[in-house]
């Protein structure tokens, strides 16, 4: 609450306050929720199958249908790409965490030496 009051008192509009104060705070939760929903959608193929529209097919449903009716190497390729994408996301997260740990939070840019 204090940060938003400070941003408003310094002349920030509602959109600027949301973008610079609230969004950085809620962004990890939003991204985590989207990733969790995407991951859990692979487990809920039956529900996704019944909720899909006539002209849109989700990835889990497409994989499920291909496994039932036409077993092709495309399924293995998609699985490999998903695994590589997940590994890449984890690697980027580790690099960002290492980079963030090197940034000093002390005033004046002082660094703590061991």
PDB file of N, CA and C in Angstrom:
ATOM      1  N   UNK A   1       0.823  -1.191   0.000  1.00  0.00           N
ATOM      2  CA  UNK A   1       0.000   0.000   0.000  1.00  0.00           C
ATOM      3  C   UNK A   1       0.870   1.259   0.000  1.00  0.00           C
ATOM      4  N   UNK A   2       1.981   1.218   0.723  1.00  0.00           N
ATOM      5  CA  UNK A   2       2.830   2.394   0.818  1.00  0.00           C
ATOM      6  C   UNK A   2       3.458   2.737  -0.520  1.00  0.00           C
ATOM      7  N   UNK A   3       3.844   1.701  -1.274  1.00  0.00           N
ATOM      8  CA  UNK A   3       4.495   1.958  -2.563  1.00  0.00           C
ATOM      9  C   UNK A   3       3.525   2.616  -3.527  1.00  0.00           C
ATOM     10  N   UNK A   4       2.274   2.179  -3.529  1.00  0.00           N
ATOM     11  CA  UNK A   4       1.314   2.767  -4.451  1.00  0.00           C
ATOM     12  C   UNK A   4       0.986   4.200  -4.040  1.00  0.00           C
ATOM     13  N   UNK A   5       0.916   4.460  -2.741  1.00  0.00           N
ATOM     14  CA  UNK A   5       0.676   5.835  -2.292  1.00  0.00           C
ATOM     15  C   UNK A   5       1.845   6.728  -2.676  1.00  0.00           C
ATOM     16  N   UNK A   6       3.057   6.199  -2.547  1.00  0.00           N
ATOM     17  CA  UNK A   6       4.227   6.986  -2.917  1.00  0.00           C
ATOM     18  C   UNK A   6       4.233   7.253  -4.418  1.00  0.00           C
ATOM     19  N   UNK A   7       3.883   6.262  -5.207  1.00  0.00           N
ATOM     20  CA  UNK A   7       3.855   6.454  -6.659  1.00  0.00           C
ATOM     21  C   UNK A   7       2.768   7.446  -7.052  1.00  0.00           C
ATOM     22  N   UNK A   8       1.625   7.386  -6.398  1.00  0.00           N
ATOM     23  CA  UNK A   8       0.544   8.328  -6.714  1.00  0.00           C
ATOM     24  C   UNK A   8       0.922   9.749  -6.287  1.00  0.00           C
ATOM     25  N   UNK A   9       1.572   9.870  -5.128  1.00  0.00           N
ATOM     26  CA  UNK A   9       1.934  11.204  -4.653  1.00  0.00           C
ATOM     27  C   UNK A   9       3.041  11.828  -5.498  1.00  0.00           C
ATOM     28  N   UNK A  10       3.809  11.000  -6.203  1.00  0.00           N
ATOM     29  CA  UNK A  10       4.857  11.516  -7.075  1.00  0.00           C
ATOM     30  C   UNK A  10       4.367  11.778  -8.488  1.00  0.00           C
ATOM     31  N   UNK A  11       3.056  11.682  -8.690  1.00  0.00           N
ATOM     32  CA  UNK A  11       2.480  12.066  -9.972  1.00  0.00           C
ATOM     33  C   UNK A  11       2.183  10.927 -10.922  1.00  0.00           C
ATOM     34  N   UNK A  12       2.248   9.709 -10.456  1.00  0.00           N
ATOM     35  CA  UNK A  12       1.960   8.570 -11.328  1.00  0.00           C
ATOM     36  C   UNK A  12       0.463   8.380 -11.495  1.00  0.00           C
ATOM     37  N   UNK A  13       0.049   8.126 -12.715  1.00  0.00           N
ATOM     38  CA  UNK A  13      -1.348   7.842 -12.977  1.00  0.00           C
ATOM     39  C   UNK A  13      -1.689   6.412 -12.600  1.00  0.00           C
ATOM     40  N   UNK A  14      -2.959   6.058 -12.676  1.00  0.00           N
ATOM     41  CA  UNK A  14      -3.365   4.704 -12.286  1.00  0.00           C
ATOM     42  C   UNK A  14      -2.707   3.609 -13.127  1.00  0.00           C
ATOM     43  N   UNK A  15      -2.558   3.851 -14.418  1.00  0.00           N
ATOM     44  CA  UNK A  15      -1.943   2.838 -15.285  1.00  0.00           C
ATOM     45  C   UNK A  15      -0.456   2.705 -14.971  1.00  0.00           C
ATOM     46  N   UNK A  16       0.219   3.826 -14.757  1.00  0.00           N
ATOM     47  CA  UNK A  16       1.647   3.785 -14.423  1.00  0.00           C
ATOM     48  C   UNK A  16       1.870   3.118 -13.071  1.00  0.00           C
ATOM     49  N   UNK A  17       0.996   3.401 -12.105  1.00  0.00           N
ATOM     50  CA  UNK A  17       1.121   2.770 -10.785  1.00  0.00           C
ATOM     51  C   UNK A  17       0.928   1.262 -10.921  1.00  0.00           C
ATOM     52  N   UNK A  18      -0.075   0.859 -11.706  1.00  0.00           N
ATOM     53  CA  UNK A  18      -0.294  -0.574 -11.888  1.00  0.00           C
ATOM     54  C   UNK A  18       0.902  -1.224 -12.569  1.00  0.00           C
ATOM     55  N   UNK A  19       1.422  -0.572 -13.615  1.00  0.00           N
ATOM     56  CA  UNK A  19       2.514  -1.159 -14.383  1.00  0.00           C
ATOM     57  C   UNK A  19       3.827  -1.218 -13.598  1.00  0.00           C
ATOM     58  N   UNK A  20       4.112  -0.206 -12.809  1.00  0.00           N
ATOM     59  CA  UNK A  20       5.405  -0.131 -12.136  1.00  0.00           C
ATOM     60  C   UNK A  20       5.379  -0.632 -10.692  1.00  0.00           C
ATOM     61  N   UNK A  21       4.213  -0.690 -10.073  1.00  0.00           N
ATOM     62  CA  UNK A  21       4.147  -1.094  -8.667  1.00  0.00           C
ATOM     63  C   UNK A  21       3.475  -2.456  -8.519  1.00  0.00           C
ATOM     64  N   UNK A  22       2.248  -2.582  -9.005  1.00  0.00           N
ATOM     65  CA  UNK A  22       1.493  -3.802  -8.773  1.00  0.00           C
ATOM     66  C   UNK A  22       1.919  -4.955  -9.679  1.00  0.00           C
ATOM     67  N   UNK A  23       2.139  -4.683 -10.954  1.00  0.00           N
ATOM     68  CA  UNK A  23       2.452  -5.751 -11.899  1.00  0.00           C
ATOM     69  C   UNK A  23       3.732  -6.513 -11.544  1.00  0.00           C
ATOM     70  N   UNK A  24       4.836  -5.850 -11.162  1.00  0.00           N
ATOM     71  CA  UNK A  24       6.018  -6.640 -10.776  1.00  0.00           C
ATOM     72  C   UNK A  24       5.783  -7.534  -9.559  1.00  0.00           C
ATOM     73  N   UNK A  25       4.858  -7.149  -8.706  1.00  0.00           N
ATOM     74  CA  UNK A  25       4.588  -7.956  -7.517  1.00  0.00           C
ATOM     75  C   UNK A  25       3.733  -9.176  -7.860  1.00  0.00           C
ATOM     76  N   UNK A  26       2.738  -9.005  -8.725  1.00  0.00           N
ATOM     77  CA  UNK A  26       1.833 -10.109  -9.030  1.00  0.00           C
ATOM     78  C   UNK A  26       2.266 -10.947 -10.220  1.00  0.00           C
ATOM     79  N   UNK A  27       3.263 -10.491 -10.984  1.00  0.00           N
ATOM     80  CA  UNK A  27       3.687 -11.208 -12.189  1.00  0.00           C
ATOM     81  C   UNK A  27       4.166 -12.636 -11.915  1.00  0.00           C
ATOM     82  N   UNK A  28       4.990 -12.894 -10.895  1.00  0.00           N
ATOM     83  CA  UNK A  28       5.384 -14.293 -10.654  1.00  0.00           C
ATOM     84  C   UNK A  28       4.185 -15.195 -10.352  1.00  0.00           C
ATOM     85  N   UNK A  29       3.216 -14.694  -9.634  1.00  0.00           N
ATOM     86  CA  UNK A  29       2.020 -15.486  -9.344  1.00  0.00           C
ATOM     87  C   UNK A  29       1.192 -15.747 -10.589  1.00  0.00           C
ATOM     88  N   UNK A  30       1.079 -14.733 -11.445  1.00  0.00           N
ATOM     89  CA  UNK A  30       0.340 -14.918 -12.694  1.00  0.00           C
ATOM     90  C   UNK A  30       1.022 -15.930 -13.606  1.00  0.00           C
ATOM     91  N   UNK A  31       2.330 -15.796 -13.769  1.00  0.00           N
ATOM     92  CA  UNK A  31       3.065 -16.735 -14.613  1.00  0.00           C
ATOM     93  C   UNK A  31       3.030 -18.149 -14.041  1.00  0.00           C
ATOM     94  N   UNK A  32       3.173 -18.261 -12.731  1.00  0.00           N
ATOM     95  CA  UNK A  32       3.103 -19.579 -12.096  1.00  0.00           C
ATOM     96  C   UNK A  32       1.728 -20.215 -12.254  1.00  0.00           C
ATOM     97  N   UNK A  33       0.687 -19.407 -12.126  1.00  0.00           N
ATOM     98  CA  UNK A  33      -0.668 -19.921 -12.314  1.00  0.00           C
ATOM     99  C   UNK A  33      -0.926 -20.365 -13.735  1.00  0.00           C
ATOM    100  N   UNK A  34      -0.422 -19.595 -14.703  1.00  0.00           N
ATOM    101  CA  UNK A  34      -0.591 -19.994 -16.107  1.00  0.00           C
ATOM    102  C   UNK A  34       0.160 -21.291 -16.392  1.00  0.00           C
ATOM    103  N   UNK A  35       1.370 -21.410 -15.878  1.00  0.00           N
ATOM    104  CA  UNK A  35       2.150 -22.623 -16.094  1.00  0.00           C
ATOM    105  C   UNK A  35       1.504 -23.818 -15.412  1.00  0.00           C
ATOM    106  N   UNK A  36       0.971 -23.619 -14.215  1.00  0.00           N
ATOM    107  CA  UNK A  36       0.294 -24.700 -13.506  1.00  0.00           C
ATOM    108  C   UNK A  36      -0.975 -25.132 -14.239  1.00  0.00           C
ATOM    109  N   UNK A  37      -1.739 -24.172 -14.738  1.00  0.00           N
ATOM    110  CA  UNK A  37      -2.949 -24.509 -15.481  1.00  0.00           C
ATOM    111  C   UNK A  37      -2.623 -25.254 -16.761  1.00  0.00           C
ATOM    112  N   UNK A  38      -1.570 -24.834 -17.457  1.00  0.00           N
ATOM    113  CA  UNK A  38      -1.160 -25.524 -18.682  1.00  0.00           C
ATOM    114  C   UNK A  38      -0.709 -26.945 -18.372  1.00  0.00           C
ATOM    115  N   UNK A  39       0.054 -27.120 -17.295  1.00  0.00           N
ATOM    116  CA  UNK A  39       0.544 -28.442 -16.926  1.00  0.00           C
ATOM    117  C   UNK A  39      -0.597 -29.357 -16.497  1.00  0.00           C
ATOM    118  N   UNK A  40      -1.517 -28.827 -15.707  1.00  0.00           N
ATOM    119  CA  UNK A  40      -2.635 -29.651 -15.252  1.00  0.00           C
ATOM    120  C   UNK A  40      -3.607 -29.983 -16.377  1.00  0.00           C
ATOM    121  N   UNK A  41      -3.597 -29.200 -17.450  1.00  0.00           N
ATOM    122  CA  UNK A  41      -4.502 -29.503 -18.550  1.00  0.00           C
ATOM    123  C   UNK A  41      -4.123 -30.809 -19.241  1.00  0.00           C
ATOM    124  N   UNK A  42      -2.861 -31.233 -19.128  1.00  0.00           N
ATOM    125  CA  UNK A  42      -2.473 -32.520 -19.700  1.00  0.00           C
ATOM    126  C   UNK A  42      -3.089 -33.672 -18.914  1.00  0.00           C
ATOM    127  N   UNK A  43      -3.341 -33.459 -17.629  1.00  0.00           N
ATOM    128  CA  UNK A  43      -3.938 -34.508 -16.804  1.00  0.00           C
ATOM    129  C   UNK A  43      -5.445 -34.576 -16.997  1.00  0.00           C
ATOM    130  N   UNK A  44      -6.057 -33.487 -17.380  1.00  0.00           N
ATOM    131  CA  UNK A  44      -7.507 -33.414 -17.514  1.00  0.00           C
ATOM    132  C   UNK A  44      -7.926 -33.479 -18.976  1.00  0.00           C
ATOM    133  N   UNK A  45      -7.472 -34.482 -19.683  1.00  0.00           N
ATOM    134  CA  UNK A  45      -7.775 -34.606 -21.111  1.00  0.00           C
ATOM    135  C   UNK A  45      -9.267 -34.828 -21.329  1.00  0.00           C
ATOM    136  N   UNK A  46      -9.895 -35.602 -20.474  1.00  0.00           N
ATOM    137  CA  UNK A  46     -11.321 -35.914 -20.654  1.00  0.00           C
ATOM    138  C   UNK A  46     -12.160 -34.649 -20.541  1.00  0.00           C
ATOM    139  N   UNK A  47     -11.861 -33.823 -19.556  1.00  0.00           N
ATOM    140  CA  UNK A  47     -12.613 -32.573 -19.394  1.00  0.00           C
ATOM    141  C   UNK A  47     -12.329 -31.637 -20.560  1.00  0.00           C
ATOM    142  N   UNK A  48     -11.062 -31.542 -20.965  1.00  0.00           N
ATOM    143  CA  UNK A  48     -10.725 -30.692 -22.110  1.00  0.00           C
ATOM    144  C   UNK A  48     -11.387 -31.204 -23.379  1.00  0.00           C
ATOM    145  N   UNK A  49     -11.534 -32.519 -23.487  1.00  0.00           N
ATOM    146  CA  UNK A  49     -12.166 -33.117 -24.670  1.00  0.00           C
ATOM    147  C   UNK A  49     -13.637 -32.712 -24.767  1.00  0.00           C
ATOM    148  N   UNK A  50     -14.323 -32.691 -23.637  1.00  0.00           N
ATOM    149  CA  UNK A  50     -15.740 -32.339 -23.651  1.00  0.00           C
ATOM    150  C   UNK A  50     -15.974 -30.830 -23.712  1.00  0.00           C
ATOM    151  N   UNK A  51     -15.002 -30.032 -23.297  1.00  0.00           N
ATOM    152  CA  UNK A  51     -15.168 -28.583 -23.288  1.00  0.00           C
ATOM    153  C   UNK A  51     -14.648 -27.897 -24.549  1.00  0.00           C
ATOM    154  N   UNK A  52     -14.044 -28.644 -25.447  1.00  0.00           N
ATOM    155  CA  UNK A  52     -13.493 -28.018 -26.644  1.00  0.00           C
ATOM    156  C   UNK A  52     -14.597 -27.597 -27.602  1.00  0.00           C
ATOM    157  N   UNK A  53     -14.298 -26.595 -28.397  1.00  0.00           N
ATOM    158  CA  UNK A  53     -15.242 -26.120 -29.398  1.00  0.00           C
ATOM    159  C   UNK A  53     -15.142 -26.933 -30.671  1.00  0.00           C
ATOM    160  N   UNK A  54     -16.042 -26.685 -31.604  1.00  0.00           N
ATOM    161  CA  UNK A  54     -16.030 -27.465 -32.847  1.00  0.00           C
ATOM    162  C   UNK A  54     -14.855 -27.136 -33.767  1.00  0.00           C
ATOM    163  N   UNK A  55     -14.300 -25.929 -33.648  1.00  0.00           N
ATOM    164  CA  UNK A  55     -13.211 -25.547 -34.546  1.00  0.00           C
ATOM    165  C   UNK A  55     -11.884 -25.330 -33.823  1.00  0.00           C
ATOM    166  N   UNK A  56     -11.813 -25.703 -32.565  1.00  0.00           N
ATOM    167  CA  UNK A  56     -10.569 -25.544 -31.800  1.00  0.00           C
ATOM    168  C   UNK A  56     -10.274 -26.831 -31.043  1.00  0.00           C
ATOM    169  N   UNK A  57      -9.041 -27.312 -31.165  1.00  0.00           N
ATOM    170  CA  UNK A  57      -8.609 -28.511 -30.455  1.00  0.00           C
ATOM    171  C   UNK A  57      -7.373 -28.161 -29.638  1.00  0.00           C
ATOM    172  N   UNK A  58      -7.418 -28.477 -28.360  1.00  0.00           N
ATOM    173  CA  UNK A  58      -6.267 -28.181 -27.507  1.00  0.00           C
ATOM    174  C   UNK A  58      -5.175 -29.226 -27.728  1.00  0.00           C
ATOM    175  N   UNK A  59      -3.966 -28.905 -27.309  1.00  0.00           N
ATOM    176  CA  UNK A  59      -2.831 -29.801 -27.504  1.00  0.00           C
ATOM    177  C   UNK A  59      -3.014 -31.145 -26.793  1.00  0.00           C
ATOM    178  N   UNK A  60      -3.458 -31.169 -25.516  1.00  0.00           N
ATOM    179  CA  UNK A  60      -3.650 -32.481 -24.878  1.00  0.00           C
ATOM    180  C   UNK A  60      -4.686 -33.345 -25.593  1.00  0.00           C
ATOM    181  N   UNK A  61      -5.752 -32.729 -26.090  1.00  0.00           N
ATOM    182  CA  UNK A  61      -6.773 -33.496 -26.798  1.00  0.00           C
ATOM    183  C   UNK A  61      -6.216 -34.020 -28.113  1.00  0.00           C
ATOM    184  N   UNK A  62      -5.446 -33.208 -28.822  1.00  0.00           N
ATOM    185  CA  UNK A  62      -4.838 -33.639 -30.082  1.00  0.00           C
ATOM    186  C   UNK A  62      -3.890 -34.821 -29.856  1.00  0.00           C
ATOM    187  N   UNK A  63      -3.082 -34.738 -28.801  1.00  0.00           N
ATOM    188  CA  UNK A  63      -2.176 -35.839 -28.483  1.00  0.00           C
ATOM    189  C   UNK A  63      -2.969 -37.095 -28.134  1.00  0.00           C
ATOM    190  N   UNK A  64      -4.033 -36.932 -27.349  1.00  0.00           N
ATOM    191  CA  UNK A  64      -4.861 -38.069 -26.943  1.00  0.00           C
ATOM    192  C   UNK A  64      -5.510 -38.735 -28.157  1.00  0.00           C
ATOM    193  N   UNK A  65      -6.042 -37.938 -29.070  1.00  0.00           N
ATOM    194  CA  UNK A  65      -6.682 -38.488 -30.270  1.00  0.00           C
ATOM    195  C   UNK A  65      -5.650 -39.176 -31.160  1.00  0.00           C
ATOM    196  N   UNK A  66      -4.469 -38.560 -31.315  1.00  0.00           N
ATOM    197  CA  UNK A  66      -3.426 -39.183 -32.129  1.00  0.00           C
ATOM    198  C   UNK A  66      -2.928 -40.492 -31.519  1.00  0.00           C
ATOM    199  N   UNK A  67      -2.877 -40.559 -30.190  1.00  0.00           N
ATOM    200  CA  UNK A  67      -2.471 -41.810 -29.550  1.00  0.00           C
ATOM    201  C   UNK A  67      -3.490 -42.913 -29.782  1.00  0.00           C
ATOM    202  N   UNK A  68      -4.771 -42.541 -29.848  1.00  0.00           N
ATOM    203  CA  UNK A  68      -5.814 -43.554 -30.037  1.00  0.00           C
ATOM    204  C   UNK A  68      -5.913 -44.029 -31.480  1.00  0.00           C
ATOM    205  N   UNK A  69      -5.829 -43.110 -32.430  1.00  0.00           N
ATOM    206  CA  UNK A  69      -6.181 -43.462 -33.806  1.00  0.00           C
ATOM    207  C   UNK A  69      -5.002 -43.529 -34.779  1.00  0.00           C
ATOM    208  N   UNK A  70      -3.984 -42.730 -34.582  1.00  0.00           N
ATOM    209  CA  UNK A  70      -2.866 -42.761 -35.537  1.00  0.00           C
ATOM    210  C   UNK A  70      -1.564 -42.507 -34.784  1.00  0.00           C
ATOM    211  N   UNK A  71      -0.917 -43.574 -34.441  1.00  0.00           N
ATOM    212  CA  UNK A  71       0.328 -43.480 -33.693  1.00  0.00           C
ATOM    213  C   UNK A  71       1.463 -43.126 -34.651  1.00  0.00           C
ATOM    214  N   UNK A  72       1.930 -41.881 -34.553  1.00  0.00           N
ATOM    215  CA  UNK A  72       2.977 -41.386 -35.432  1.00  0.00           C
ATOM    216  C   UNK A  72       4.127 -40.831 -34.597  1.00  0.00           C
ATOM    217  N   UNK A  73       5.278 -40.594 -35.200  1.00  0.00           N
ATOM    218  CA  UNK A  73       6.410 -40.004 -34.467  1.00  0.00           C
ATOM    219  C   UNK A  73       6.180 -38.541 -34.074  1.00  0.00           C
ATOM    220  N   UNK A  74       5.108 -37.942 -34.556  1.00  0.00           N
ATOM    221  CA  UNK A  74       4.826 -36.545 -34.212  1.00  0.00           C
ATOM    222  C   UNK A  74       4.613 -36.397 -32.709  1.00  0.00           C
ATOM    223  N   UNK A  75       3.988 -37.385 -32.091  1.00  0.00           N
ATOM    224  CA  UNK A  75       3.731 -37.324 -30.652  1.00  0.00           C
ATOM    225  C   UNK A  75       5.045 -37.319 -29.879  1.00  0.00           C
ATOM    226  N   UNK A  76       5.985 -38.156 -30.294  1.00  0.00           N
ATOM    227  CA  UNK A  76       7.297 -38.174 -29.643  1.00  0.00           C
ATOM    228  C   UNK A  76       8.029 -36.852 -29.849  1.00  0.00           C
ATOM    229  N   UNK A  77       7.887 -36.265 -31.047  1.00  0.00           N
ATOM    230  CA  UNK A  77       8.542 -34.979 -31.320  1.00  0.00           C
ATOM    231  C   UNK A  77       7.947 -33.869 -30.457  1.00  0.00           C
ATOM    232  N   UNK A  78       6.636 -33.850 -30.324  1.00  0.00           N
ATOM    233  CA  UNK A  78       5.984 -32.834 -29.484  1.00  0.00           C
ATOM    234  C   UNK A  78       6.393 -33.013 -28.024  1.00  0.00           C
ATOM    235  N   UNK A  79       6.448 -34.249 -27.573  1.00  0.00           N
ATOM    236  CA  UNK A  79       6.873 -34.507 -26.194  1.00  0.00           C
ATOM    237  C   UNK A  79       8.306 -34.053 -25.967  1.00  0.00           C
ATOM    238  N   UNK A  80       9.167 -34.300 -26.937  1.00  0.00           N
ATOM    239  CA  UNK A  80      10.553 -33.861 -26.824  1.00  0.00           C
ATOM    240  C   UNK A  80      10.653 -32.338 -26.791  1.00  0.00           C
ATOM    241  N   UNK A  81       9.874 -31.676 -27.640  1.00  0.00           N
ATOM    242  CA  UNK A  81       9.875 -30.208 -27.637  1.00  0.00           C
ATOM    243  C   UNK A  81       9.364 -29.645 -26.321  1.00  0.00           C
ATOM    244  N   UNK A  82       8.316 -30.242 -25.766  1.00  0.00           N
ATOM    245  CA  UNK A  82       7.811 -29.781 -24.469  1.00  0.00           C
ATOM    246  C   UNK A  82       8.844 -29.980 -23.369  1.00  0.00           C
ATOM    247  N   UNK A  83       9.539 -31.107 -23.407  1.00  0.00           N
ATOM    248  CA  UNK A  83      10.584 -31.358 -22.422  1.00  0.00           C
ATOM    249  C   UNK A  83      11.737 -30.368 -22.568  1.00  0.00           C
ATOM    250  N   UNK A  84      12.131 -30.082 -23.797  1.00  0.00           N
ATOM    251  CA  UNK A  84      13.198 -29.106 -24.031  1.00  0.00           C
ATOM    252  C   UNK A  84      12.772 -27.701 -23.603  1.00  0.00           C
ATOM    253  N   UNK A  85      11.525 -27.335 -23.876  1.00  0.00           N
ATOM    254  CA  UNK A  85      11.013 -26.024 -23.480  1.00  0.00           C
ATOM    255  C   UNK A  85      11.007 -25.880 -21.960  1.00  0.00           C
ATOM    256  N   UNK A  86      10.591 -26.940 -21.261  1.00  0.00           N
ATOM    257  CA  UNK A  86      10.584 -26.905 -19.802  1.00  0.00           C
ATOM    258  C   UNK A  86      11.995 -26.797 -19.251  1.00  0.00           C
ATOM    259  N   UNK A  87      12.924 -27.547 -19.829  1.00  0.00           N
ATOM    260  CA  UNK A  87      14.318 -27.473 -19.397  1.00  0.00           C
ATOM    261  C   UNK A  87      14.896 -26.085 -19.646  1.00  0.00           C
ATOM    262  N   UNK A  88      14.564 -25.488 -20.779  1.00  0.00           N
ATOM    263  CA  UNK A  88      15.031 -24.138 -21.087  1.00  0.00           C
ATOM    264  C   UNK A  88      14.471 -23.122 -20.095  1.00  0.00           C
ATOM    265  N   UNK A  89      13.197 -23.252 -19.755  1.00  0.00           N
ATOM    266  CA  UNK A  89      12.607 -22.340 -18.768  1.00  0.00           C
ATOM    267  C   UNK A  89      13.294 -22.467 -17.416  1.00  0.00           C
ATOM    268  N   UNK A  90      13.596 -23.684 -17.000  1.00  0.00           N
ATOM    269  CA  UNK A  90      14.285 -23.873 -15.731  1.00  0.00           C
ATOM    270  C   UNK A  90      15.695 -23.293 -15.769  1.00  0.00           C
ATOM    271  N   UNK A  91      16.382 -23.452 -16.891  1.00  0.00           N
ATOM    272  CA  UNK A  91      17.727 -22.889 -17.018  1.00  0.00           C
ATOM    273  C   UNK A  91      17.698 -21.364 -16.969  1.00  0.00           C
ATOM    274  N   UNK A  92      16.737 -20.754 -17.645  1.00  0.00           N
ATOM    275  CA  UNK A  92      16.599 -19.293 -17.615  1.00  0.00           C
ATOM    276  C   UNK A  92      16.293 -18.822 -16.197  1.00  0.00           C
ATOM    277  N   UNK A  93      15.433 -19.559 -15.494  1.00  0.00           N
ATOM    278  CA  UNK A  93      15.121 -19.187 -14.119  1.00  0.00           C
ATOM    279  C   UNK A  93      16.359 -19.263 -13.235  1.00  0.00           C
ATOM    280  N   UNK A  94      17.169 -20.299 -13.412  1.00  0.00           N
ATOM    281  CA  UNK A  94      18.386 -20.412 -12.603  1.00  0.00           C
ATOM    282  C   UNK A  94      19.360 -19.282 -12.905  1.00  0.00           C
ATOM    283  N   UNK A  95      19.514 -18.923 -14.176  1.00  0.00           N
ATOM    284  CA  UNK A  95      20.410 -17.819 -14.541  1.00  0.00           C
ATOM    285  C   UNK A  95      19.913 -16.512 -13.936  1.00  0.00           C
ATOM    286  N   UNK A  96      18.601 -16.277 -14.012  1.00  0.00           N
ATOM    287  CA  UNK A  96      18.045 -15.052 -13.439  1.00  0.00           C
ATOM    288  C   UNK A  96      18.203 -15.019 -11.924  1.00  0.00           C
ATOM    289  N   UNK A  97      18.055 -16.156 -11.279  1.00  0.00           N
ATOM    290  CA  UNK A  97      18.227 -16.186  -9.826  1.00  0.00           C
ATOM    291  C   UNK A  97      19.685 -15.926  -9.448  1.00  0.00           C
ATOM    292  N   UNK A  98      20.625 -16.486 -10.217  1.00  0.00           N
ATOM    293  CA  UNK A  98      22.042 -16.220  -9.939  1.00  0.00           C
ATOM    294  C   UNK A  98      22.380 -14.763 -10.176  1.00  0.00           C
ATOM    295  N   UNK A  99      21.847 -14.198 -11.239  1.00  0.00           N
ATOM    296  CA  UNK A  99      22.104 -12.795 -11.537  1.00  0.00           C
ATOM    297  C   UNK A  99      21.493 -11.895 -10.465  1.00  0.00           C
ATOM    298  N   UNK A 100      20.299 -12.244  -9.998  1.00  0.00           N
ATOM    299  CA  UNK A 100      19.634 -11.441  -8.976  1.00  0.00           C
ATOM    300  C   UNK A 100      20.374 -11.520  -7.648  1.00  0.00           C
ATOM    301  N   UNK A 101      20.984 -12.676  -7.338  1.00  0.00           N
ATOM    302  CA  UNK A 101      21.684 -12.821  -6.067  1.00  0.00           C
ATOM    303  C   UNK A 101      22.962 -11.994  -6.035  1.00  0.00           C
ATOM    304  N   UNK A 102      23.489 -11.638  -7.199  1.00  0.00           N
ATOM    305  CA  UNK A 102      24.700 -10.815  -7.256  1.00  0.00           C
ATOM    306  C   UNK A 102      24.394  -9.336  -7.100  1.00  0.00           C
ATOM    307  N   UNK A 103      23.166  -8.927  -7.285  1.00  0.00           N
ATOM    308  CA  UNK A 103      22.802  -7.521  -7.160  1.00  0.00           C
ATOM    309  C   UNK A 103      22.702  -7.178  -5.680  1.00  0.00           C
ATOM    310  N   UNK A 104      23.337  -6.109  -5.307  1.00  0.00           N
ATOM    311  CA  UNK A 104      23.344  -5.689  -3.916  1.00  0.00           C
ATOM    312  C   UNK A 104      22.076  -4.920  -3.589  1.00  0.00           C
ATOM    313  N   UNK A 105      21.472  -5.255  -2.473  1.00  0.00           N
ATOM    314  CA  UNK A 105      20.293  -4.534  -2.011  1.00  0.00           C
ATOM    315  C   UNK A 105      20.653  -3.509  -0.945  1.00  0.00           C
ATOM    316  N   UNK A 106      21.924  -3.377  -0.656  1.00  0.00           N
ATOM    317  CA  UNK A 106      22.376  -2.429   0.342  1.00  0.00           C
ATOM    318  C   UNK A 106      22.409  -1.031  -0.242  1.00  0.00           C
ATOM    319  N   UNK A 107      22.189   0.008   0.558  1.00  0.00           N
ATOM    320  CA  UNK A 107      22.209   1.363   0.047  1.00  0.00           C
ATOM    321  C   UNK A 107      23.589   1.751  -0.467  1.00  0.00           C
ATOM    322  N   UNK A 108      23.619   2.510  -1.536  1.00  0.00           N
ATOM    323  CA  UNK A 108      24.869   2.989  -2.098  1.00  0.00           C
ATOM    324  C   UNK A 108      25.610   1.956  -2.902  1.00  0.00           C
ATOM    325  N   UNK A 109      24.993   0.814  -3.156  1.00  0.00           N
ATOM    326  CA  UNK A 109      25.641  -0.219  -3.947  1.00  0.00           C
ATOM    327  C   UNK A 109      26.757  -0.947  -3.216  1.00  0.00           C
ATOM    328  N   UNK A 110      26.768  -0.886  -1.860  1.00  0.00           N
ATOM    329  CA  UNK A 110      27.809  -1.577  -1.112  1.00  0.00           C
ATOM    330  C   UNK A 110      27.606  -3.080  -1.264  1.00  0.00           C
ATOM    331  N   UNK A 111      28.698  -3.803  -1.309  1.00  0.00           N
ATOM    332  CA  UNK A 111      28.630  -5.254  -1.436  1.00  0.00           C
ATOM    333  C   UNK A 111      29.142  -5.884  -0.156  1.00  0.00           C
ATOM    334  N   UNK A 112      28.543  -7.011   0.174  1.00  0.00           N
ATOM    335  CA  UNK A 112      28.964  -7.752   1.351  1.00  0.00           C
ATOM    336  C   UNK A 112      30.056  -8.719   0.913  1.00  0.00           C
ATOM    337  N   UNK A 113      31.191  -8.654   1.570  1.00  0.00           N
ATOM    338  CA  UNK A 113      32.279  -9.577   1.256  1.00  0.00           C
ATOM    339  C   UNK A 113      32.327 -10.659   2.297  1.00  0.00           C
ATOM    340  N   UNK A 114      32.700 -11.836   1.867  1.00  0.00           N
ATOM    341  CA  UNK A 114      32.757 -12.970   2.801  1.00  0.00           C
ATOM    342  C   UNK A 114      34.128 -13.159   3.349  1.00  0.00           C
TER     343      UNK A 114
END
